N, C-alpha and C. Protein backbone atom coordinates (compact mmCIF):
# COMPACT_ATOMS: atom_id res chain seq x y z
N UNK A 1 45.86 -51.97 185.47
CA UNK A 1 46.37 -52.19 187.31
C UNK A 1 46.42 -50.68 186.86
N UNK A 2 46.02 -49.68 186.26
CA UNK A 2 46.73 -48.51 186.95
C UNK A 2 44.67 -47.90 187.31
N UNK A 3 43.72 -48.35 186.82
CA UNK A 3 41.86 -48.34 186.84
C UNK A 3 42.19 -49.21 188.37
N UNK A 4 42.28 -50.35 188.92
CA UNK A 4 42.34 -50.70 190.15
C UNK A 4 43.05 -50.10 191.15
N UNK A 5 44.33 -49.35 191.10
CA UNK A 5 44.64 -48.30 191.89
C UNK A 5 44.29 -47.30 192.52
N UNK A 6 43.30 -46.26 191.10
CA UNK A 6 42.48 -45.63 191.02
C UNK A 6 41.80 -46.17 192.03
N UNK A 7 40.82 -46.49 191.66
CA UNK A 7 39.54 -47.34 192.60
C UNK A 7 39.96 -47.54 193.81
N UNK A 8 41.15 -48.08 194.41
CA UNK A 8 41.30 -48.59 195.57
C UNK A 8 41.43 -47.14 196.23
N UNK A 9 42.59 -46.32 195.11
CA UNK A 9 42.43 -44.95 196.34
C UNK A 9 41.11 -44.36 196.77
N UNK A 10 40.62 -44.13 195.19
CA UNK A 10 39.45 -43.43 195.49
C UNK A 10 38.51 -44.19 196.79
N UNK A 11 39.00 -45.40 197.06
CA UNK A 11 37.24 -46.73 198.15
C UNK A 11 38.38 -45.54 199.70
N UNK A 12 40.00 -45.86 199.46
CA UNK A 12 39.97 -45.61 201.73
C UNK A 12 39.80 -43.75 201.33
N UNK A 13 39.63 -43.26 199.93
CA UNK A 13 38.82 -42.15 200.32
C UNK A 13 37.84 -41.97 201.13
N UNK A 14 37.01 -42.53 200.80
CA UNK A 14 35.72 -42.99 200.87
C UNK A 14 35.34 -43.09 201.48
N UNK A 15 35.93 -43.81 203.21
CA UNK A 15 36.25 -44.30 203.72
C UNK A 15 37.02 -44.15 204.67
N UNK A 16 38.00 -42.58 204.47
CA UNK A 16 38.30 -42.30 205.74
C UNK A 16 37.75 -41.95 206.65
N UNK A 17 38.22 -42.21 208.27
CA UNK A 17 37.57 -41.77 209.19
C UNK A 17 38.20 -41.11 209.77
N UNK A 18 38.73 -39.68 209.13
CA UNK A 18 39.06 -38.13 208.71
C UNK A 18 37.20 -37.94 207.83
N UNK A 19 36.70 -37.31 208.89
CA UNK A 19 36.21 -36.12 207.26
C UNK A 19 36.31 -35.13 206.95
N UNK A 20 35.92 -34.60 205.74
CA UNK A 20 36.40 -33.55 204.86
C UNK A 20 36.92 -32.59 205.38
N UNK A 21 35.52 -32.51 205.90
CA UNK A 21 35.37 -31.33 206.63
C UNK A 21 36.22 -31.21 208.28
N UNK A 22 37.04 -31.40 208.37
CA UNK A 22 38.58 -31.22 209.95
C UNK A 22 39.63 -31.42 208.41
N UNK A 23 39.38 -32.15 206.98
CA UNK A 23 40.44 -32.00 206.62
C UNK A 23 41.69 -30.97 206.69
N UNK A 24 40.63 -29.43 206.59
CA UNK A 24 41.71 -27.63 207.33
C UNK A 24 41.54 -27.61 207.95
N UNK A 25 41.03 -28.20 209.47
CA UNK A 25 41.67 -27.59 210.11
C UNK A 25 40.71 -26.96 210.53
N UNK A 26 39.87 -26.27 209.98
CA UNK A 26 38.93 -25.52 210.48
C UNK A 26 37.83 -25.51 211.70
N UNK A 27 37.58 -26.58 211.58
CA UNK A 27 36.23 -26.66 212.52
C UNK A 27 34.73 -26.81 211.68
N UNK A 28 33.70 -26.96 212.38
CA UNK A 28 32.37 -26.85 212.29
C UNK A 28 32.57 -26.38 210.72
N UNK A 29 31.57 -27.43 208.93
CA UNK A 29 31.56 -26.48 208.55
C UNK A 29 29.86 -26.06 208.22
N UNK A 30 30.33 -25.05 208.30
CA UNK A 30 28.20 -24.04 207.01
C UNK A 30 27.56 -24.53 206.49
N UNK A 31 26.62 -25.64 206.85
CA UNK A 31 25.74 -25.88 205.99
C UNK A 31 24.31 -25.02 204.99
N UNK A 32 23.31 -25.42 204.77
CA UNK A 32 21.47 -25.52 204.59
C UNK A 32 21.08 -25.79 205.10
N UNK A 33 20.55 -25.50 205.68
CA UNK A 33 18.90 -26.01 206.47
C UNK A 33 18.77 -27.52 205.29
N UNK A 34 18.73 -27.45 204.57
CA UNK A 34 18.55 -28.86 203.39
C UNK A 34 19.73 -29.87 203.65
N UNK A 35 21.01 -28.79 203.13
CA UNK A 35 22.01 -29.49 203.20
C UNK A 35 22.21 -30.72 204.85
N UNK A 36 22.37 -29.77 205.56
CA UNK A 36 21.72 -30.25 207.75
C UNK A 36 21.30 -31.34 207.71
N UNK A 37 19.58 -31.00 207.22
CA UNK A 37 19.08 -32.58 206.67
C UNK A 37 19.12 -34.14 205.97
N UNK A 38 19.90 -33.79 204.95
CA UNK A 38 20.07 -34.35 203.93
C UNK A 38 21.31 -35.76 204.78
N UNK A 39 22.44 -34.51 205.13
CA UNK A 39 23.55 -35.40 206.03
C UNK A 39 22.61 -36.12 207.35
N UNK A 40 22.33 -35.63 207.76
CA UNK A 40 20.98 -36.34 208.75
C UNK A 40 20.73 -37.74 208.37
N UNK A 41 19.83 -37.39 207.63
CA UNK A 41 18.52 -38.67 206.76
C UNK A 41 19.33 -39.55 206.10
N UNK A 42 20.48 -39.40 205.31
CA UNK A 42 21.36 -40.50 205.05
C UNK A 42 21.82 -41.21 206.07
N UNK A 43 22.02 -40.78 207.22
CA UNK A 43 22.60 -41.66 208.07
C UNK A 43 21.27 -43.06 208.15
N UNK A 44 20.98 -42.92 207.68
CA UNK A 44 19.36 -43.94 206.95
C UNK A 44 19.76 -44.98 207.69
N UNK A 45 21.34 -45.12 206.17
CA UNK A 45 21.69 -46.10 205.55
C UNK A 45 22.56 -46.47 205.40
N UNK A 46 23.08 -46.26 206.76
CA UNK A 46 24.40 -46.42 207.67
C UNK A 46 24.94 -47.37 208.13
N UNK A 47 25.85 -48.35 207.59
CA UNK A 47 26.04 -50.08 208.19
C UNK A 47 26.73 -49.90 208.81
N UNK A 48 27.77 -49.05 209.02
CA UNK A 48 28.37 -48.09 210.33
C UNK A 48 27.74 -48.16 211.14
N UNK A 49 26.84 -47.65 211.65
CA UNK A 49 26.22 -47.56 212.69
C UNK A 49 25.38 -46.05 212.76
N UNK A 50 24.38 -45.86 212.28
CA UNK A 50 23.08 -45.14 212.62
C UNK A 50 23.45 -43.50 213.15
N UNK A 51 23.90 -43.90 214.95
CA UNK A 51 24.00 -43.18 215.81
C UNK A 51 24.98 -42.12 215.64
N UNK A 52 26.08 -43.05 214.84
CA UNK A 52 28.05 -42.82 215.64
C UNK A 52 27.69 -41.57 214.13
N UNK A 53 26.28 -42.16 213.07
CA UNK A 53 26.87 -40.74 211.44
C UNK A 53 26.34 -39.94 212.38
N UNK A 54 24.93 -39.75 212.92
CA UNK A 54 24.44 -38.36 212.82
C UNK A 54 24.86 -37.54 214.00
N UNK A 55 25.50 -38.18 214.95
CA UNK A 55 26.01 -38.07 216.06
C UNK A 55 27.47 -36.99 215.27
N UNK A 56 28.17 -38.20 214.06
CA UNK A 56 29.42 -37.16 213.85
C UNK A 56 28.92 -36.09 213.20
N UNK A 57 27.34 -36.14 212.21
CA UNK A 57 27.14 -35.04 211.11
C UNK A 57 26.23 -33.32 212.33
N UNK A 58 26.71 -33.56 213.85
CA UNK A 58 25.94 -33.08 214.46
C UNK A 58 26.93 -31.96 214.95
N UNK A 59 28.65 -33.26 215.54
CA UNK A 59 30.09 -32.39 215.32
C UNK A 59 29.91 -31.42 214.50
N UNK A 60 30.63 -32.45 212.74
CA UNK A 60 31.42 -31.71 211.69
C UNK A 60 30.68 -30.19 210.64
N UNK A 61 29.36 -30.20 211.43
CA UNK A 61 28.29 -29.36 210.28
C UNK A 61 27.66 -28.92 211.69
N UNK A 62 27.16 -27.60 211.01
CA UNK A 62 26.22 -26.43 211.70
C UNK A 62 25.56 -25.87 210.09
N UNK A 63 24.40 -25.60 210.52
CA UNK A 63 23.50 -25.12 209.50
C UNK A 63 23.76 -23.23 210.33
N UNK A 64 23.53 -22.90 208.46
CA UNK A 64 24.29 -21.48 208.29
C UNK A 64 23.35 -21.77 206.85
N UNK A 65 25.11 -21.09 205.89
CA UNK A 65 24.51 -20.28 204.43
C UNK A 65 25.21 -22.15 204.12
N UNK A 66 24.07 -21.72 202.17
CA UNK A 66 24.52 -22.98 201.40
C UNK A 66 25.64 -23.48 201.72
N UNK A 67 26.53 -24.76 201.48
CA UNK A 67 28.25 -25.12 201.06
C UNK A 67 28.55 -25.63 200.06
N UNK A 68 29.02 -24.32 198.71
CA UNK A 68 28.67 -24.41 197.72
C UNK A 68 29.58 -25.62 197.25
N UNK A 69 30.94 -26.20 198.26
CA UNK A 69 31.79 -27.48 198.10
C UNK A 69 31.59 -28.17 199.19
N UNK A 70 30.70 -28.28 199.27
CA UNK A 70 29.52 -29.86 199.84
C UNK A 70 29.50 -30.53 198.21
N UNK A 71 29.67 -31.87 197.93
CA UNK A 71 29.13 -32.97 197.43
C UNK A 71 28.30 -33.39 197.86
N UNK A 72 27.39 -33.29 197.24
CA UNK A 72 25.19 -33.48 197.33
C UNK A 72 25.40 -34.04 195.80
N UNK A 73 24.80 -35.71 195.51
CA UNK A 73 24.63 -36.17 194.30
C UNK A 73 22.70 -37.04 194.89
N UNK A 74 22.22 -37.03 193.49
CA UNK A 74 21.03 -38.12 193.71
C UNK A 74 21.00 -38.75 193.04
N UNK A 75 20.99 -39.95 192.92
CA UNK A 75 20.83 -41.44 191.85
C UNK A 75 19.90 -42.45 192.24
N UNK A 76 19.40 -43.15 192.21
CA UNK A 76 18.74 -43.63 192.37
C UNK A 76 17.24 -43.10 193.43
N UNK A 77 17.35 -42.15 193.57
CA UNK A 77 15.98 -41.53 194.38
C UNK A 77 16.73 -41.56 196.20
N UNK A 78 17.76 -41.64 195.51
CA UNK A 78 18.42 -41.52 196.50
C UNK A 78 20.09 -39.91 197.10
N UNK A 79 19.40 -39.11 198.13
CA UNK A 79 20.25 -38.21 197.80
C UNK A 79 21.05 -38.30 199.43
N UNK A 80 22.64 -38.08 198.76
CA UNK A 80 23.36 -37.82 199.91
C UNK A 80 24.54 -36.72 199.70
N UNK A 81 25.38 -36.19 200.79
CA UNK A 81 25.98 -35.25 200.84
C UNK A 81 27.45 -35.43 201.70
N UNK A 82 28.66 -35.27 201.16
CA UNK A 82 29.74 -35.49 201.86
C UNK A 82 30.54 -36.49 201.32
N UNK A 83 31.25 -37.42 202.07
CA UNK A 83 31.76 -37.89 202.10
C UNK A 83 31.39 -39.55 202.53
N UNK A 84 31.18 -41.06 202.22
CA UNK A 84 29.82 -41.65 202.66
C UNK A 84 31.64 -42.35 202.60
N UNK A 85 31.32 -43.24 204.42
CA UNK A 85 32.26 -44.12 205.11
C UNK A 85 31.14 -45.13 204.71
N UNK A 86 31.80 -46.56 204.61
CA UNK A 86 31.49 -47.59 203.59
C UNK A 86 32.10 -48.66 204.92
N UNK A 87 31.04 -49.28 204.66
CA UNK A 87 30.79 -50.97 205.57
C UNK A 87 32.80 -51.88 204.99
N UNK A 88 32.47 -53.00 204.85
CA UNK A 88 33.00 -53.98 203.73
C UNK A 88 32.51 -54.77 202.92
N UNK A 89 31.40 -55.00 202.96
CA UNK A 89 29.98 -55.12 202.12
C UNK A 89 29.90 -54.30 201.12
N UNK A 90 30.11 -52.76 201.36
CA UNK A 90 29.85 -51.95 200.67
C UNK A 90 30.67 -51.46 199.85
N UNK A 91 31.70 -51.41 200.11
CA UNK A 91 33.32 -51.13 200.01
C UNK A 91 33.65 -52.39 198.38
N UNK A 92 33.15 -53.57 199.09
CA UNK A 92 33.17 -54.25 198.01
C UNK A 92 32.31 -54.52 197.00
N UNK A 93 30.55 -54.06 197.08
CA UNK A 93 29.78 -53.30 195.61
C UNK A 93 30.66 -52.41 195.16
N UNK A 94 31.24 -51.36 195.59
CA UNK A 94 32.08 -50.73 195.22
C UNK A 94 33.06 -51.10 193.73
N UNK A 95 34.26 -51.60 194.48
CA UNK A 95 34.78 -52.50 193.82
C UNK A 95 34.17 -53.56 192.60
N UNK A 96 32.82 -53.83 192.96
CA UNK A 96 32.13 -54.56 191.84
C UNK A 96 31.71 -53.68 191.01
N UNK A 97 30.80 -52.49 191.15
CA UNK A 97 29.84 -51.85 190.27
C UNK A 97 31.33 -51.21 189.80
N UNK A 98 31.58 -50.86 189.62
CA UNK A 98 33.25 -50.45 188.93
C UNK A 98 33.49 -50.26 187.53
N UNK A 99 33.90 -51.85 188.89
CA UNK A 99 34.76 -53.12 187.51
C UNK A 99 32.72 -53.88 186.60
N UNK A 100 32.18 -53.49 186.79
CA UNK A 100 30.94 -53.98 185.78
C UNK A 100 31.00 -52.83 184.84
N UNK A 101 31.65 -51.64 184.78
CA UNK A 101 32.02 -50.24 184.26
C UNK A 101 31.12 -49.36 184.78
N UNK A 102 30.02 -48.91 186.12
CA UNK A 102 29.09 -48.26 186.65
C UNK A 102 30.53 -47.04 186.61
N UNK A 103 29.58 -45.89 186.82
CA UNK A 103 30.34 -45.27 187.16
C UNK A 103 30.53 -44.44 189.44
N UNK A 104 31.89 -44.08 189.02
CA UNK A 104 32.24 -44.48 190.96
C UNK A 104 31.23 -43.49 191.34
N UNK A 105 30.48 -42.08 191.23
CA UNK A 105 30.05 -41.94 192.25
C UNK A 105 28.78 -42.05 192.57
N UNK A 106 28.77 -42.96 191.31
CA UNK A 106 26.71 -43.62 190.84
C UNK A 106 27.04 -44.99 191.94
N UNK A 107 28.09 -46.03 192.09
CA UNK A 107 27.82 -46.95 192.68
C UNK A 107 28.08 -46.49 194.22
N UNK A 108 29.20 -45.92 194.69
CA UNK A 108 29.02 -44.87 195.84
C UNK A 108 27.74 -45.13 196.63
N UNK A 109 27.16 -44.30 195.78
CA UNK A 109 25.23 -44.42 196.19
C UNK A 109 24.59 -45.22 196.31
N UNK A 110 24.47 -46.02 195.42
CA UNK A 110 23.86 -47.23 195.45
C UNK A 110 24.55 -47.33 196.29
N UNK A 111 25.47 -48.65 196.88
CA UNK A 111 26.05 -49.58 197.48
C UNK A 111 26.16 -49.33 198.60
N UNK A 112 26.34 -47.91 199.09
CA UNK A 112 25.76 -46.75 200.35
C UNK A 112 24.55 -47.39 201.01
N UNK A 113 24.14 -47.18 199.57
CA UNK A 113 22.21 -47.26 200.43
C UNK A 113 21.55 -49.08 200.53
N UNK A 114 21.35 -49.09 199.38
CA UNK A 114 21.47 -50.86 199.14
C UNK A 114 22.35 -52.04 199.92
N UNK A 115 23.31 -51.42 199.38
CA UNK A 115 23.94 -53.00 199.72
C UNK A 115 23.89 -53.29 201.05
């Protein structure tokens, strides 16, 4: 039961409409050009709206220095950064995948890109 609650809490975090960039009230986050390009390009997988995703990236991030606090990861040839906003189908995929033993971070990326 604790595992289910933990996964559910992580899913809520992953799908929150409040992004990590504004959580501390500082406004735009500075990221490297490569990180910014990754954030924009990962929007092609967004089942919650590609245009809205790109607009959010432009609003939240600006190009500057590398941001070592930005969570970037690559699984199955897909690189993503930051908090992913998952659709309901992707959330279900995430729950199913983690229940089968896939690590949360890997399942999150794979469900975001391939579900």
